[in-house]
C-alpha cells in the first residue's frame, strides 16, 4: 500500500492530500530515510512524521486496505 494511503487509512493523518503534502515537503521518514508518497509500506517499517515541533514515531503492525475508526489504531504502534 502507498505511504500516503496508509497514513490516511490508519488515521495517523486525516486526509490523503495532507499526507501527500507531508511527504512532498519531506516531513515523513521511513526507516530513517526521506520517503515519497508512493513508497510501498510493509509490516515492520518505522514511520516518523514531523508535526511542527513534535515528531511522531510509529511501527507498522498491519497493512489493510480499509479499516473502521475503532480498528485503525491497531494498524500501528507508537514507539516514543
Protein backbone atom coordinates (compact mmCIF):
# COMPACT_ATOMS: atom_id res chain seq x y z
CA UNK A 1 0.00 0.00 0.00
CA UNK A 2 1.23 3.51 -0.78
CA UNK A 3 2.51 5.55 2.15
CA UNK A 4 0.01 8.40 1.71
CA UNK A 5 -2.90 5.94 1.64
CA UNK A 6 -1.58 4.08 4.70
CA UNK A 7 -1.35 7.31 6.69
CA UNK A 8 -4.97 8.08 5.81
CA UNK A 9 -6.42 4.57 6.36
CA UNK A 10 -4.63 4.24 9.72
CA UNK A 11 -5.87 7.76 10.59
CA UNK A 12 -2.40 8.99 11.55
CA UNK A 13 -3.19 11.82 9.12
CA UNK A 14 -6.88 12.52 8.46
CA UNK A 15 -6.80 13.28 4.71
CA UNK A 16 -4.79 11.71 1.92
CA UNK A 17 -4.00 15.09 0.33
CA UNK A 18 -2.48 16.26 3.62
CA UNK A 19 -0.47 13.02 3.85
CA UNK A 20 0.73 13.53 0.27
CA UNK A 21 1.75 17.11 1.05
CA UNK A 22 3.65 16.00 4.18
CA UNK A 23 5.64 13.54 2.05
CA UNK A 24 6.32 16.17 -0.63
CA UNK A 25 7.68 18.62 1.96
CA UNK A 26 9.98 15.91 3.39
CA UNK A 27 8.30 15.73 6.80
CA UNK A 28 7.89 11.94 6.60
CA UNK A 29 10.70 9.41 7.04
CA UNK A 30 10.50 5.63 6.76
CA UNK A 31 13.28 3.54 8.32
CA UNK A 32 15.44 6.66 8.71
CA UNK A 33 15.17 7.84 5.08
CA UNK A 34 13.00 10.53 3.46
CA UNK A 35 10.01 8.86 1.87
CA UNK A 36 7.85 9.78 -1.09
CA UNK A 37 4.08 9.30 -1.07
CA UNK A 38 4.49 6.37 -3.47
CA UNK A 39 6.65 4.34 -1.03
CA UNK A 40 5.21 0.82 -0.51
CA UNK A 41 4.57 0.36 3.22
CA UNK A 42 5.35 -3.05 4.73
CA UNK A 43 4.84 -4.52 8.20
CA UNK A 44 7.77 -3.65 10.47
CA UNK A 45 8.54 -0.29 8.83
CA UNK A 46 9.27 2.60 11.21
CA UNK A 47 7.47 5.81 10.17
CA UNK A 48 8.50 9.21 11.58
CA UNK A 49 6.32 12.25 10.92
CA UNK A 50 7.22 15.79 11.96
CA UNK A 51 4.28 17.95 13.04
CA UNK A 52 5.80 21.38 13.70
CA UNK A 53 7.92 20.95 16.85
CA UNK A 54 6.92 17.37 17.70
CA UNK A 55 7.70 14.11 15.97
CA UNK A 56 5.52 11.00 15.91
CA UNK A 57 7.35 7.70 15.59
CA UNK A 58 5.32 4.56 14.86
CA UNK A 59 5.95 0.96 13.82
CA UNK A 60 3.69 -0.53 11.14
CA UNK A 61 1.92 -3.56 12.64
CA UNK A 62 -0.66 -4.28 9.94
CA UNK A 63 -1.42 -3.09 6.40
CA UNK A 64 -5.13 -3.15 5.47
CA UNK A 65 -6.92 -1.58 2.51
CA UNK A 66 -9.84 -0.48 4.71
CA UNK A 67 -10.19 -0.01 8.45
CA UNK A 68 -13.01 1.14 10.66
CA UNK A 69 -12.27 4.02 13.01
CA UNK A 70 -12.19 1.65 16.01
CA UNK A 71 -9.61 -0.67 14.45
CA UNK A 72 -7.44 1.94 12.70
CA UNK A 73 -5.18 2.45 15.72
CA UNK A 74 -4.33 -1.27 15.73
CA UNK A 75 -2.53 -0.82 12.39
CA UNK A 76 0.44 0.86 14.09
CA UNK A 77 2.26 1.02 17.40
CA UNK A 78 3.63 4.29 18.84
CA UNK A 79 7.30 3.92 19.69
CA UNK A 80 8.10 7.15 21.57
